[in-house]
Amino acid sequence: MKMRTLGRSGPEVSAIGLGCMGMAAFYGQPSDEGQATAVIHRALDLGVTFFDTAEMYGPHTNELQVGKALADRRDKAFVATKFGIGYNAERTALTVDGSPANVRRAIEGSLKRLGMDHVDLYYLHRVDPDTPIEETVGAMGELVTEGKVRFLGLSEAAPDTLRRAHATQPITALQTEYSLWSREPEDELLALCDQLGIGFVPYSPLGRGFLSGEIRSVDDLAPDDFRRSNPRFTGDNFQKNLDLVEAVKGIAADKGVTAAQLALAWVLARGEHLVPIPGTRRVRTLEENVAATEITLTAEDLARIDAVFPKGAASGHRYAEAARGALNR
């Protein structure tokens, strides 16, 4: 497994990580403990060291899954979790709490569920508009001093917020959606992270599975799969986006790789400070994703991909309306 450094002087992790969210939430029936453990253990066997979870995944159940799977292998894993986001009672809008009190409450719960005495990377899942970022990050920094957290991160933060946070406490990683169909970080965030020496962790680097080319119809999704309400998976947007993926599949076929592998290799090629975290519930898909780290894309390959899937080509917003207000704050 190739390794990368999170940030200019941060920890070394596998070039590709494992996003564990889908094991517990959002994509239909959750994985059982055996399934989750099998995928996490196979990831370790393949050299994956970077595992990503969050308080809200389940909620809480994904941290339990990850903790149990790593219970006897903690020294082999770099574990990231997140706090500060949830849904209101009607699940019509997100609630965000970045208060110092919630920083303290959340870490104690995460450590208990994970069965660990520290978290390697602790993210603010979404920026709280009612709490100055300096206060949130300052409280997170106290956890570093206490040994409960090793490194700090933010998720979906705006450039100015990232600057302010980093000036308060060293930020090791920024996690934001980034893929062929979500290229907004190219406007400023990728360059800013490189400038500040902050690692960039693309989540959903396969467009929530769409870029794999295996989702051919909304009927391929479970009845309770949240993607059924995602704008890019609905109405005319679905077919328009599928046409883009078909073009990518043609390039992948020419290189003898899958569409998913090509999409991951594209993300990896955007910079050495990027560490994508594709998620999966299946060992076979995990193995396919990890193999993408061995793919080299030439300048000609990248130009061909950009020609058929240029920035801004995806149809539909990347989140449903209820979640959009918490992005890029």
C-alpha atoms as a PDB file:
ATOM      1  CA  MET A   1       0.000   0.000   0.000  1.00  0.00           C
ATOM      2  CA  LYS A   2       1.260   3.438  -0.906  1.00  0.00           C
ATOM      3  CA  MET A   3       1.295   5.930   1.947  1.00  0.00           C
ATOM      4  CA  ARG A   4       0.622   9.647   2.120  1.00  0.00           C
ATOM      5  CA  THR A   5       1.139  12.303   4.772  1.00  0.00           C
ATOM      6  CA  LEU A   6      -1.912  14.160   6.051  1.00  0.00           C
ATOM      7  CA  GLY A   7      -0.747  17.728   5.892  1.00  0.00           C
ATOM      8  CA  ARG A   8       2.770  19.046   5.685  1.00  0.00           C
ATOM      9  CA  SER A   9       3.953  17.454   8.932  1.00  0.00           C
ATOM     10  CA  GLY A  10       1.024  15.313   9.955  1.00  0.00           C
ATOM     11  CA  PRO A  11       0.604  11.553  10.325  1.00  0.00           C
ATOM     12  CA  GLU A  12       1.341   9.024   7.608  1.00  0.00           C
ATOM     13  CA  VAL A  13      -1.721   7.072   6.468  1.00  0.00           C
ATOM     14  CA  SER A  14      -2.616   4.776   3.604  1.00  0.00           C
ATOM     15  CA  ALA A  15      -3.116   6.603   0.302  1.00  0.00           C
ATOM     16  CA  ILE A  16      -6.729   5.499   0.348  1.00  0.00           C
ATOM     17  CA  GLY A  17      -8.885   5.130   3.444  1.00  0.00           C
ATOM     18  CA  LEU A  18     -12.169   3.435   4.259  1.00  0.00           C
ATOM     19  CA  GLY A  19     -15.302   5.472   4.844  1.00  0.00           C
ATOM     20  CA  CYS A  20     -17.442   3.402   7.210  1.00  0.00           C
ATOM     21  CA  MET A  21     -20.699   5.413   7.165  1.00  0.00           C
ATOM     22  CA  GLY A  22     -22.587   3.127   4.797  1.00  0.00           C
ATOM     23  CA  MET A  23     -22.125   0.153   7.097  1.00  0.00           C
ATOM     24  CA  ALA A  24     -24.558   1.716   9.556  1.00  0.00           C
ATOM     25  CA  ALA A  25     -26.688   4.354   7.880  1.00  0.00           C
ATOM     26  CA  PHE A  26     -28.233   6.039   4.846  1.00  0.00           C
ATOM     27  CA  TYR A  27     -27.888   3.264   2.238  1.00  0.00           C
ATOM     28  CA  GLY A  28     -30.695   0.952   3.322  1.00  0.00           C
ATOM     29  CA  GLN A  29     -30.387  -2.054   5.611  1.00  0.00           C
ATOM     30  CA  PRO A  30     -27.239  -1.641   7.753  1.00  0.00           C
ATOM     31  CA  SER A  31     -24.423  -4.176   7.705  1.00  0.00           C
ATOM     32  CA  ASP A  32     -24.454  -6.674  10.518  1.00  0.00           C
ATOM     33  CA  GLU A  33     -21.462  -6.880  12.819  1.00  0.00           C
ATOM     34  CA  GLY A  34     -19.944  -9.769  10.873  1.00  0.00           C
ATOM     35  CA  GLN A  35     -20.128  -7.952   7.541  1.00  0.00           C
ATOM     36  CA  ALA A  36     -18.640  -4.762   8.943  1.00  0.00           C
ATOM     37  CA  THR A  37     -15.848  -6.632  10.666  1.00  0.00           C
ATOM     38  CA  ALA A  38     -15.004  -8.622   7.531  1.00  0.00           C
ATOM     39  CA  VAL A  39     -14.604  -5.467   5.445  1.00  0.00           C
ATOM     40  CA  ILE A  40     -12.544  -3.639   8.068  1.00  0.00           C
ATOM     41  CA  HIS A  41     -10.272  -6.634   8.655  1.00  0.00           C
ATOM     42  CA  ARG A  42      -9.744  -7.138   4.918  1.00  0.00           C
ATOM     43  CA  ALA A  43      -8.912  -3.444   4.609  1.00  0.00           C
ATOM     44  CA  LEU A  44      -6.204  -3.870   7.228  1.00  0.00           C
ATOM     45  CA  ASP A  45      -4.884  -6.929   5.369  1.00  0.00           C
ATOM     46  CA  LEU A  46      -4.615  -4.810   2.214  1.00  0.00           C
ATOM     47  CA  GLY A  47      -2.647  -2.108   4.019  1.00  0.00           C
ATOM     48  CA  VAL A  48      -5.459   0.376   4.629  1.00  0.00           C
ATOM     49  CA  THR A  49      -4.778   2.206   7.886  1.00  0.00           C
ATOM     50  CA  PHE A  50      -7.221   5.142   7.737  1.00  0.00           C
ATOM     51  CA  PHE A  51     -10.793   4.516   8.979  1.00  0.00           C
ATOM     52  CA  ASP A  52     -13.494   7.182   9.065  1.00  0.00           C
ATOM     53  CA  THR A  53     -16.670   7.206  11.146  1.00  0.00           C
ATOM     54  CA  ALA A  54     -18.846   9.754  12.985  1.00  0.00           C
ATOM     55  CA  GLU A  55     -21.152  10.196  15.934  1.00  0.00           C
ATOM     56  CA  MET A  56     -24.175  10.705  13.647  1.00  0.00           C
ATOM     57  CA  TYR A  57     -23.700   7.523  11.577  1.00  0.00           C
ATOM     58  CA  GLY A  58     -26.509   5.418  12.901  1.00  0.00           C
ATOM     59  CA  PRO A  59     -26.503   7.524  15.040  1.00  0.00           C
ATOM     60  CA  HIS A  60     -23.792   5.952  17.196  1.00  0.00           C
ATOM     61  CA  THR A  61     -23.960   2.439  15.723  1.00  0.00           C
ATOM     62  CA  ASN A  62     -21.118   2.895  13.252  1.00  0.00           C
ATOM     63  CA  GLU A  63     -18.683   3.869  15.991  1.00  0.00           C
ATOM     64  CA  LEU A  64     -19.677   0.668  17.773  1.00  0.00           C
ATOM     65  CA  GLN A  65     -19.062  -1.378  14.605  1.00  0.00           C
ATOM     66  CA  VAL A  66     -15.667   0.194  13.999  1.00  0.00           C
ATOM     67  CA  GLY A  67     -14.632  -0.124  17.631  1.00  0.00           C
ATOM     68  CA  LYS A  68     -15.491  -3.815  17.818  1.00  0.00           C
ATOM     69  CA  ALA A  69     -13.728  -4.594  14.543  1.00  0.00           C
ATOM     70  CA  LEU A  70     -10.554  -2.833  15.680  1.00  0.00           C
ATOM     71  CA  ALA A  71     -10.618  -3.939  19.302  1.00  0.00           C
ATOM     72  CA  ASP A  72      -7.636  -6.274  18.951  1.00  0.00           C
ATOM     73  CA  ARG A  73      -5.956  -4.307  16.146  1.00  0.00           C
ATOM     74  CA  ARG A  74      -5.970  -0.737  17.428  1.00  0.00           C
ATOM     75  CA  ASP A  75      -2.253  -0.286  16.815  1.00  0.00           C
ATOM     76  CA  LYS A  76      -2.734  -0.915  13.086  1.00  0.00           C
ATOM     77  CA  ALA A  77      -5.425   1.716  12.555  1.00  0.00           C
ATOM     78  CA  PHE A  78      -5.626   5.495  12.292  1.00  0.00           C
ATOM     79  CA  VAL A  79      -9.177   6.263  13.422  1.00  0.00           C
ATOM     80  CA  ALA A  80     -11.081   9.437  12.590  1.00  0.00           C
ATOM     81  CA  THR A  81     -14.489  10.350  13.943  1.00  0.00           C
ATOM     82  CA  LYS A  82     -16.649  13.462  13.815  1.00  0.00           C
ATOM     83  CA  PHE A  83     -19.040  15.365  16.060  1.00  0.00           C
ATOM     84  CA  GLY A  84     -21.410  18.306  16.010  1.00  0.00           C
ATOM     85  CA  ILE A  85     -24.193  17.376  13.593  1.00  0.00           C
ATOM     86  CA  GLY A  86     -27.580  15.691  13.781  1.00  0.00           C
ATOM     87  CA  TYR A  87     -31.156  15.960  12.540  1.00  0.00           C
ATOM     88  CA  ASN A  88     -34.163  17.639  14.085  1.00  0.00           C
ATOM     89  CA  ALA A  89     -37.010  15.439  15.316  1.00  0.00           C
ATOM     90  CA  GLU A  90     -38.797  15.602  11.957  1.00  0.00           C
ATOM     91  CA  ARG A  91     -35.576  14.889  10.001  1.00  0.00           C
ATOM     92  CA  THR A  92     -36.330  17.910   7.828  1.00  0.00           C
ATOM     93  CA  ALA A  93     -33.210  19.900   8.695  1.00  0.00           C
ATOM     94  CA  LEU A  94     -29.786  19.469  10.185  1.00  0.00           C
ATOM     95  CA  THR A  95     -28.910  20.644  13.667  1.00  0.00           C
ATOM     96  CA  VAL A  96     -25.347  21.744  14.330  1.00  0.00           C
ATOM     97  CA  ASP A  97     -23.676  22.251  17.703  1.00  0.00           C
ATOM     98  CA  GLY A  98     -20.046  23.301  17.867  1.00  0.00           C
ATOM     99  CA  SER A  99     -20.212  24.664  21.404  1.00  0.00           C
ATOM    100  CA  PRO A 100     -17.330  23.891  23.776  1.00  0.00           C
ATOM    101  CA  ALA A 101     -19.778  21.975  25.979  1.00  0.00           C
ATOM    102  CA  ASN A 102     -20.733  19.746  23.075  1.00  0.00           C
ATOM    103  CA  VAL A 103     -17.088  19.201  22.169  1.00  0.00           C
ATOM    104  CA  ARG A 104     -16.587  17.735  25.646  1.00  0.00           C
ATOM    105  CA  ARG A 105     -19.813  15.722  25.653  1.00  0.00           C
ATOM    106  CA  ALA A 106     -19.246  14.259  22.207  1.00  0.00           C
ATOM    107  CA  ILE A 107     -15.689  13.021  22.667  1.00  0.00           C
ATOM    108  CA  GLU A 108     -16.588  11.109  25.809  1.00  0.00           C
ATOM    109  CA  GLY A 109     -19.395   9.323  23.982  1.00  0.00           C
ATOM    110  CA  SER A 110     -17.253   8.520  20.955  1.00  0.00           C
ATOM    111  CA  LEU A 111     -14.404   7.126  23.024  1.00  0.00           C
ATOM    112  CA  LYS A 112     -16.817   4.921  24.958  1.00  0.00           C
ATOM    113  CA  ARG A 113     -18.486   3.553  21.816  1.00  0.00           C
ATOM    114  CA  LEU A 114     -15.181   3.005  20.031  1.00  0.00           C
ATOM    115  CA  GLY A 115     -13.688   1.389  23.130  1.00  0.00           C
ATOM    116  CA  MET A 116     -10.556   3.512  22.739  1.00  0.00           C
ATOM    117  CA  ASP A 117      -8.633   5.866  24.978  1.00  0.00           C
ATOM    118  CA  HIS A 118      -7.994   8.320  22.149  1.00  0.00           C
ATOM    119  CA  VAL A 119      -9.111   9.247  18.648  1.00  0.00           C
ATOM    120  CA  ASP A 120      -6.401   9.856  16.056  1.00  0.00           C
ATOM    121  CA  LEU A 121      -8.279  12.544  14.105  1.00  0.00           C
ATOM    122  CA  TYR A 122     -11.264  14.461  15.473  1.00  0.00           C
ATOM    123  CA  TYR A 123     -13.387  16.471  13.046  1.00  0.00           C
ATOM    124  CA  LEU A 124     -16.017  19.126  13.521  1.00  0.00           C
ATOM    125  CA  HIS A 125     -18.603  17.563  11.200  1.00  0.00           C
ATOM    126  CA  ARG A 126     -20.242  20.862  10.224  1.00  0.00           C
ATOM    127  CA  VAL A 127     -19.442  24.434  11.233  1.00  0.00           C
ATOM    128  CA  ASP A 128     -21.810  25.936  13.793  1.00  0.00           C
ATOM    129  CA  PRO A 129     -22.837  29.462  12.695  1.00  0.00           C
ATOM    130  CA  ASP A 130     -23.763  30.325  16.284  1.00  0.00           C
ATOM    131  CA  THR A 131     -20.378  29.464  17.794  1.00  0.00           C
ATOM    132  CA  PRO A 132     -17.201  31.251  16.671  1.00  0.00           C
ATOM    133  CA  ILE A 133     -14.894  28.700  15.093  1.00  0.00           C
ATOM    134  CA  GLU A 134     -12.132  29.885  17.424  1.00  0.00           C
ATOM    135  CA  GLU A 135     -14.184  28.710  20.413  1.00  0.00           C
ATOM    136  CA  THR A 136     -14.973  25.325  18.898  1.00  0.00           C
ATOM    137  CA  VAL A 137     -11.429  24.620  17.792  1.00  0.00           C
ATOM    138  CA  GLY A 138     -10.027  25.973  21.037  1.00  0.00           C
ATOM    139  CA  ALA A 139     -12.085  23.419  22.962  1.00  0.00           C
ATOM    140  CA  MET A 140     -11.003  20.694  20.551  1.00  0.00           C
ATOM    141  CA  GLY A 141      -7.397  21.692  21.195  1.00  0.00           C
ATOM    142  CA  GLU A 142      -7.893  21.021  24.904  1.00  0.00           C
ATOM    143  CA  LEU A 143      -8.633  17.400  23.998  1.00  0.00           C
ATOM    144  CA  VAL A 144      -5.243  17.184  22.285  1.00  0.00           C
ATOM    145  CA  THR A 145      -3.561  18.461  25.433  1.00  0.00           C
ATOM    146  CA  GLU A 146      -5.430  15.845  27.463  1.00  0.00           C
ATOM    147  CA  GLY A 147      -4.391  13.028  25.124  1.00  0.00           C
ATOM    148  CA  LYS A 148      -7.929  12.167  24.039  1.00  0.00           C
ATOM    149  CA  VAL A 149      -7.316  13.359  20.483  1.00  0.00           C
ATOM    150  CA  ARG A 150      -4.117  13.417  18.436  1.00  0.00           C
ATOM    151  CA  PHE A 151      -5.033  15.634  15.466  1.00  0.00           C
ATOM    152  CA  LEU A 152      -7.848  18.032  14.571  1.00  0.00           C
ATOM    153  CA  GLY A 153      -9.946  18.410  11.438  1.00  0.00           C
ATOM    154  CA  LEU A 154     -12.929  20.224   9.940  1.00  0.00           C
ATOM    155  CA  SER A 155     -15.552  19.043   7.483  1.00  0.00           C
ATOM    156  CA  GLU A 156     -17.230  21.145   4.778  1.00  0.00           C
ATOM    157  CA  ALA A 157     -15.675  24.371   6.065  1.00  0.00           C
ATOM    158  CA  ALA A 158     -15.362  27.517   3.971  1.00  0.00           C
ATOM    159  CA  PRO A 159     -11.888  28.897   3.158  1.00  0.00           C
ATOM    160  CA  ASP A 160     -12.062  31.785   5.628  1.00  0.00           C
ATOM    161  CA  THR A 161     -13.276  29.472   8.398  1.00  0.00           C
ATOM    162  CA  LEU A 162     -10.388  27.118   7.704  1.00  0.00           C
ATOM    163  CA  ARG A 163      -7.895  29.980   7.932  1.00  0.00           C
ATOM    164  CA  ARG A 164      -9.335  31.179  11.247  1.00  0.00           C
ATOM    165  CA  ALA A 165      -9.430  27.681  12.689  1.00  0.00           C
ATOM    166  CA  HIS A 166      -5.849  26.951  11.667  1.00  0.00           C
ATOM    167  CA  ALA A 167      -4.684  30.197  13.226  1.00  0.00           C
ATOM    168  CA  THR A 168      -6.255  29.058  16.515  1.00  0.00           C
ATOM    169  CA  GLN A 169      -5.134  25.419  16.595  1.00  0.00           C
ATOM    170  CA  PRO A 170      -3.200  23.423  13.979  1.00  0.00           C
ATOM    171  CA  ILE A 171      -5.683  21.774  11.614  1.00  0.00           C
ATOM    172  CA  THR A 172      -4.371  18.530  10.149  1.00  0.00           C
ATOM    173  CA  ALA A 173      -7.156  17.695   7.690  1.00  0.00           C
ATOM    174  CA  LEU A 174     -10.155  19.148   5.913  1.00  0.00           C
ATOM    175  CA  GLN A 175     -12.798  16.654   4.833  1.00  0.00           C
ATOM    176  CA  THR A 176     -15.059  17.778   1.991  1.00  0.00           C
ATOM    177  CA  GLU A 177     -16.936  16.037  -0.791  1.00  0.00           C
ATOM    178  CA  TYR A 178     -14.775  15.854  -3.907  1.00  0.00           C
ATOM    179  CA  SER A 179     -15.024  13.732  -7.020  1.00  0.00           C
ATOM    180  CA  LEU A 180     -15.500  13.996 -10.750  1.00  0.00           C
ATOM    181  CA  TRP A 181     -18.998  15.311 -10.175  1.00  0.00           C
ATOM    182  CA  SER A 182     -18.277  17.495  -7.115  1.00  0.00           C
ATOM    183  CA  ARG A 183     -15.360  19.718  -8.024  1.00  0.00           C
ATOM    184  CA  GLU A 184     -16.110  22.865  -6.033  1.00  0.00           C
ATOM    185  CA  PRO A 185     -12.968  22.459  -3.859  1.00  0.00           C
ATOM    186  CA  GLU A 186     -10.921  23.310  -6.955  1.00  0.00           C
ATOM    187  CA  ASP A 187     -12.107  26.916  -6.682  1.00  0.00           C
ATOM    188  CA  GLU A 188      -9.977  27.618  -3.607  1.00  0.00           C
ATOM    189  CA  LEU A 189      -9.897  24.866  -0.985  1.00  0.00           C
ATOM    190  CA  LEU A 190      -7.400  22.479  -2.596  1.00  0.00           C
ATOM    191  CA  ALA A 191      -4.828  25.232  -3.095  1.00  0.00           C
ATOM    192  CA  LEU A 192      -5.473  26.682   0.360  1.00  0.00           C
ATOM    193  CA  CYS A 193      -4.924  23.306   2.032  1.00  0.00           C
ATOM    194  CA  ASP A 194      -1.680  22.894   0.129  1.00  0.00           C
ATOM    195  CA  GLN A 195      -0.607  26.414   1.124  1.00  0.00           C
ATOM    196  CA  LEU A 196      -1.396  25.902   4.814  1.00  0.00           C
ATOM    197  CA  GLY A 197       0.014  22.388   4.943  1.00  0.00           C
ATOM    198  CA  ILE A 198      -3.389  20.793   5.645  1.00  0.00           C
ATOM    199  CA  GLY A 199      -4.339  17.387   4.309  1.00  0.00           C
ATOM    200  CA  PHE A 200      -7.454  17.152   2.146  1.00  0.00           C
ATOM    201  CA  VAL A 201      -9.729  14.138   2.653  1.00  0.00           C
ATOM    202  CA  PRO A 202     -12.276  13.727  -0.174  1.00  0.00           C
ATOM    203  CA  TYR A 203     -15.396  11.934   0.974  1.00  0.00           C
ATOM    204  CA  SER A 204     -17.808  10.358  -1.519  1.00  0.00           C
ATOM    205  CA  PRO A 205     -15.023  10.203  -4.142  1.00  0.00           C
ATOM    206  CA  LEU A 206     -17.263   7.836  -6.127  1.00  0.00           C
ATOM    207  CA  GLY A 207     -20.266  10.153  -6.064  1.00  0.00           C
ATOM    208  CA  ARG A 208     -22.121   8.013  -3.516  1.00  0.00           C
ATOM    209  CA  GLY A 209     -21.564   5.023  -5.768  1.00  0.00           C
ATOM    210  CA  PHE A 210     -22.951   6.618  -8.913  1.00  0.00           C
ATOM    211  CA  LEU A 211     -19.542   6.983 -10.575  1.00  0.00           C
ATOM    212  CA  SER A 212     -19.025   3.213 -10.385  1.00  0.00           C
ATOM    213  CA  GLY A 213     -21.530   2.814 -13.203  1.00  0.00           C
ATOM    214  CA  GLU A 214     -23.271   0.015 -11.312  1.00  0.00           C
ATOM    215  CA  ILE A 215     -26.375   2.051 -10.454  1.00  0.00           C
ATOM    216  CA  ARG A 216     -28.478   1.976 -13.595  1.00  0.00           C
ATOM    217  CA  SER A 217     -31.849   2.974 -12.176  1.00  0.00           C
ATOM    218  CA  VAL A 218     -33.252   4.417  -8.970  1.00  0.00           C
ATOM    219  CA  ASP A 219     -34.839   0.986  -8.553  1.00  0.00           C
ATOM    220  CA  ASP A 220     -31.344  -0.354  -7.875  1.00  0.00           C
ATOM    221  CA  LEU A 221     -31.503   1.483  -4.539  1.00  0.00           C
ATOM    222  CA  ALA A 222     -33.190   0.166  -1.403  1.00  0.00           C
ATOM    223  CA  PRO A 223     -36.578   1.753  -0.578  1.00  0.00           C
ATOM    224  CA  ASP A 224     -35.075   3.550   2.431  1.00  0.00           C
ATOM    225  CA  ASP A 225     -31.825   4.566   0.702  1.00  0.00           C
ATOM    226  CA  PHE A 226     -31.333   8.319   1.178  1.00  0.00           C
ATOM    227  CA  ARG A 227     -30.005   8.648  -2.367  1.00  0.00           C
ATOM    228  CA  ARG A 228     -33.597   8.329  -3.619  1.00  0.00           C
ATOM    229  CA  SER A 229     -34.087  11.932  -2.450  1.00  0.00           C
ATOM    230  CA  ASN A 230     -30.689  13.198  -3.603  1.00  0.00           C
ATOM    231  CA  PRO A 231     -31.150  15.608  -6.526  1.00  0.00           C
ATOM    232  CA  ARG A 232     -28.493  13.897  -8.645  1.00  0.00           C
ATOM    233  CA  PHE A 233     -30.330  10.584  -8.426  1.00  0.00           C
ATOM    234  CA  THR A 234     -33.787  11.937  -9.267  1.00  0.00           C
ATOM    235  CA  GLY A 235     -35.781  13.016 -12.308  1.00  0.00           C
ATOM    236  CA  ASP A 236     -33.976  13.974 -15.497  1.00  0.00           C
ATOM    237  CA  ASN A 237     -30.750  14.463 -13.557  1.00  0.00           C
ATOM    238  CA  PHE A 238     -30.317  10.708 -13.209  1.00  0.00           C
ATOM    239  CA  GLN A 239     -30.078  10.015 -16.933  1.00  0.00           C
ATOM    240  CA  LYS A 240     -27.943  13.078 -17.619  1.00  0.00           C
ATOM    241  CA  ASN A 241     -25.463  11.963 -14.985  1.00  0.00           C
ATOM    242  CA  LEU A 242     -25.583   8.378 -16.213  1.00  0.00           C
ATOM    243  CA  ASP A 243     -24.588   9.581 -19.684  1.00  0.00           C
ATOM    244  CA  LEU A 244     -21.504  11.222 -18.148  1.00  0.00           C
ATOM    245  CA  VAL A 245     -20.574   8.010 -16.362  1.00  0.00           C
ATOM    246  CA  GLU A 246     -20.974   6.020 -19.579  1.00  0.00           C
ATOM    247  CA  ALA A 247     -18.366   8.243 -21.201  1.00  0.00           C
ATOM    248  CA  VAL A 248     -15.996   7.652 -18.274  1.00  0.00           C
ATOM    249  CA  LYS A 249     -16.580   3.905 -18.552  1.00  0.00           C
ATOM    250  CA  GLY A 250     -15.308   4.042 -22.127  1.00  0.00           C
ATOM    251  CA  ILE A 251     -12.021   5.598 -21.010  1.00  0.00           C
ATOM    252  CA  ALA A 252     -11.756   3.079 -18.175  1.00  0.00           C
ATOM    253  CA  ALA A 253     -12.255   0.202 -20.598  1.00  0.00           C
ATOM    254  CA  ASP A 254      -9.417   1.515 -22.771  1.00  0.00           C
ATOM    255  CA  LYS A 255      -7.137   1.375 -19.720  1.00  0.00           C
ATOM    256  CA  GLY A 256      -8.389  -2.021 -18.604  1.00  0.00           C
ATOM    257  CA  VAL A 257      -9.803  -0.753 -15.304  1.00  0.00           C
ATOM    258  CA  THR A 258     -13.284  -0.190 -13.894  1.00  0.00           C
ATOM    259  CA  ALA A 259     -15.077   3.143 -13.895  1.00  0.00           C
ATOM    260  CA  ALA A 260     -14.774   3.261 -10.116  1.00  0.00           C
ATOM    261  CA  GLN A 261     -11.036   2.681 -10.256  1.00  0.00           C
ATOM    262  CA  LEU A 262     -10.615   5.398 -12.869  1.00  0.00           C
ATOM    263  CA  ALA A 263     -12.641   7.862 -10.763  1.00  0.00           C
ATOM    264  CA  LEU A 264     -10.541   7.103  -7.671  1.00  0.00           C
ATOM    265  CA  ALA A 265      -7.286   7.330  -9.604  1.00  0.00           C
ATOM    266  CA  TRP A 266      -8.438  10.729 -10.874  1.00  0.00           C
ATOM    267  CA  VAL A 267      -8.895  11.962  -7.289  1.00  0.00           C
ATOM    268  CA  LEU A 268      -5.530  10.547  -6.213  1.00  0.00           C
ATOM    269  CA  ALA A 269      -3.883  12.349  -9.129  1.00  0.00           C
ATOM    270  CA  ARG A 270      -5.111  15.755  -7.956  1.00  0.00           C
ATOM    271  CA  GLY A 271      -2.332  16.060  -5.371  1.00  0.00           C
ATOM    272  CA  GLU A 272      -0.230  14.166  -2.882  1.00  0.00           C
ATOM    273  CA  HIS A 273      -2.042  15.882   0.005  1.00  0.00           C
ATOM    274  CA  LEU A 274      -5.335  14.184  -0.951  1.00  0.00           C
ATOM    275  CA  VAL A 275      -6.420  10.962   0.796  1.00  0.00           C
ATOM    276  CA  PRO A 276      -9.845   9.797  -0.444  1.00  0.00           C
ATOM    277  CA  ILE A 277     -12.063   7.621   1.748  1.00  0.00           C
ATOM    278  CA  PRO A 278     -14.458   5.610  -0.443  1.00  0.00           C
ATOM    279  CA  GLY A 279     -16.931   3.521   1.506  1.00  0.00           C
ATOM    280  CA  THR A 280     -18.264   0.037   0.890  1.00  0.00           C
ATOM    281  CA  ARG A 281     -20.012  -2.852   2.594  1.00  0.00           C
ATOM    282  CA  ARG A 282     -18.457  -5.493   0.368  1.00  0.00           C
ATOM    283  CA  VAL A 283     -15.000  -7.039   0.420  1.00  0.00           C
ATOM    284  CA  ARG A 284     -14.955  -7.348  -3.363  1.00  0.00           C
ATOM    285  CA  THR A 285     -15.596  -3.621  -3.828  1.00  0.00           C
ATOM    286  CA  LEU A 286     -13.014  -2.780  -1.184  1.00  0.00           C
ATOM    287  CA  GLU A 287     -10.389  -4.769  -3.066  1.00  0.00           C
ATOM    288  CA  GLU A 288     -11.338  -3.032  -6.316  1.00  0.00           C
ATOM    289  CA  ASN A 289     -11.066   0.391  -4.693  1.00  0.00           C
ATOM    290  CA  VAL A 290      -7.685  -0.301  -3.105  1.00  0.00           C
ATOM    291  CA  ALA A 291      -6.299  -1.457  -6.454  1.00  0.00           C
ATOM    292  CA  ALA A 292      -6.920   2.054  -7.790  1.00  0.00           C
ATOM    293  CA  THR A 293      -3.817   3.218  -5.920  1.00  0.00           C
ATOM    294  CA  GLU A 294      -1.710   1.326  -8.483  1.00  0.00           C
ATOM    295  CA  ILE A 295      -3.203   3.110 -11.502  1.00  0.00           C
ATOM    296  CA  THR A 296      -1.186   5.866 -13.161  1.00  0.00           C
ATOM    297  CA  LEU A 297      -3.077   8.411 -15.222  1.00  0.00           C
ATOM    298  CA  THR A 298      -1.136  10.206 -17.930  1.00  0.00           C
ATOM    299  CA  ALA A 299      -1.676  13.819 -18.922  1.00  0.00           C
ATOM    300  CA  GLU A 300      -3.552  12.466 -21.946  1.00  0.00           C
ATOM    301  CA  ASP A 301      -5.797  10.345 -19.703  1.00  0.00           C
ATOM    302  CA  LEU A 302      -6.621  13.324 -17.504  1.00  0.00           C
ATOM    303  CA  ALA A 303      -7.391  15.473 -20.539  1.00  0.00           C
ATOM    304  CA  ARG A 304      -9.731  12.811 -21.940  1.00  0.00           C
ATOM    305  CA  ILE A 305     -11.557  12.528 -18.633  1.00  0.00           C
ATOM    306  CA  ASP A 306     -11.916  16.284 -18.348  1.00  0.00           C
ATOM    307  CA  ALA A 307     -13.243  16.473 -21.894  1.00  0.00           C
ATOM    308  CA  VAL A 308     -16.115  14.052 -21.242  1.00  0.00           C
ATOM    309  CA  PHE A 309     -16.753  15.020 -17.617  1.00  0.00           C
ATOM    310  CA  PRO A 310     -15.739  18.671 -17.165  1.00  0.00           C
ATOM    311  CA  LYS A 311     -16.106  20.632 -13.974  1.00  0.00           C
ATOM    312  CA  GLY A 312     -19.718  21.541 -13.339  1.00  0.00           C
ATOM    313  CA  ALA A 313     -21.112  18.918 -15.706  1.00  0.00           C
ATOM    314  CA  ALA A 314     -23.078  16.985 -13.077  1.00  0.00           C
ATOM    315  CA  SER A 315     -26.805  17.683 -13.027  1.00  0.00           C
ATOM    316  CA  GLY A 316     -28.449  18.517  -9.718  1.00  0.00           C
ATOM    317  CA  HIS A 317     -27.226  19.714  -6.338  1.00  0.00           C
ATOM    318  CA  ARG A 318     -25.036  17.331  -4.381  1.00  0.00           C
ATOM    319  CA  TYR A 319     -27.332  17.476  -1.326  1.00  0.00           C
ATOM    320  CA  ALA A 320     -31.063  17.729  -0.759  1.00  0.00           C
ATOM    321  CA  GLU A 321     -32.289  21.126   0.387  1.00  0.00           C
ATOM    322  CA  ALA A 322     -32.491  20.184   4.088  1.00  0.00           C
ATOM    323  CA  ALA A 323     -28.724  19.673   4.266  1.00  0.00           C
ATOM    324  CA  ARG A 324     -27.432  22.468   2.048  1.00  0.00           C
ATOM    325  CA  GLY A 325     -27.392  25.222   4.638  1.00  0.00           C
ATOM    326  CA  ALA A 326     -24.640  23.488   6.597  1.00  0.00           C
ATOM    327  CA  LEU A 327     -22.208  23.358   3.681  1.00  0.00           C
ATOM    328  CA  ASN A 328     -19.231  25.666   3.092  1.00  0.00           C
ATOM    329  CA  ARG A 329     -19.652  27.742   6.263  1.00  0.00           C
END
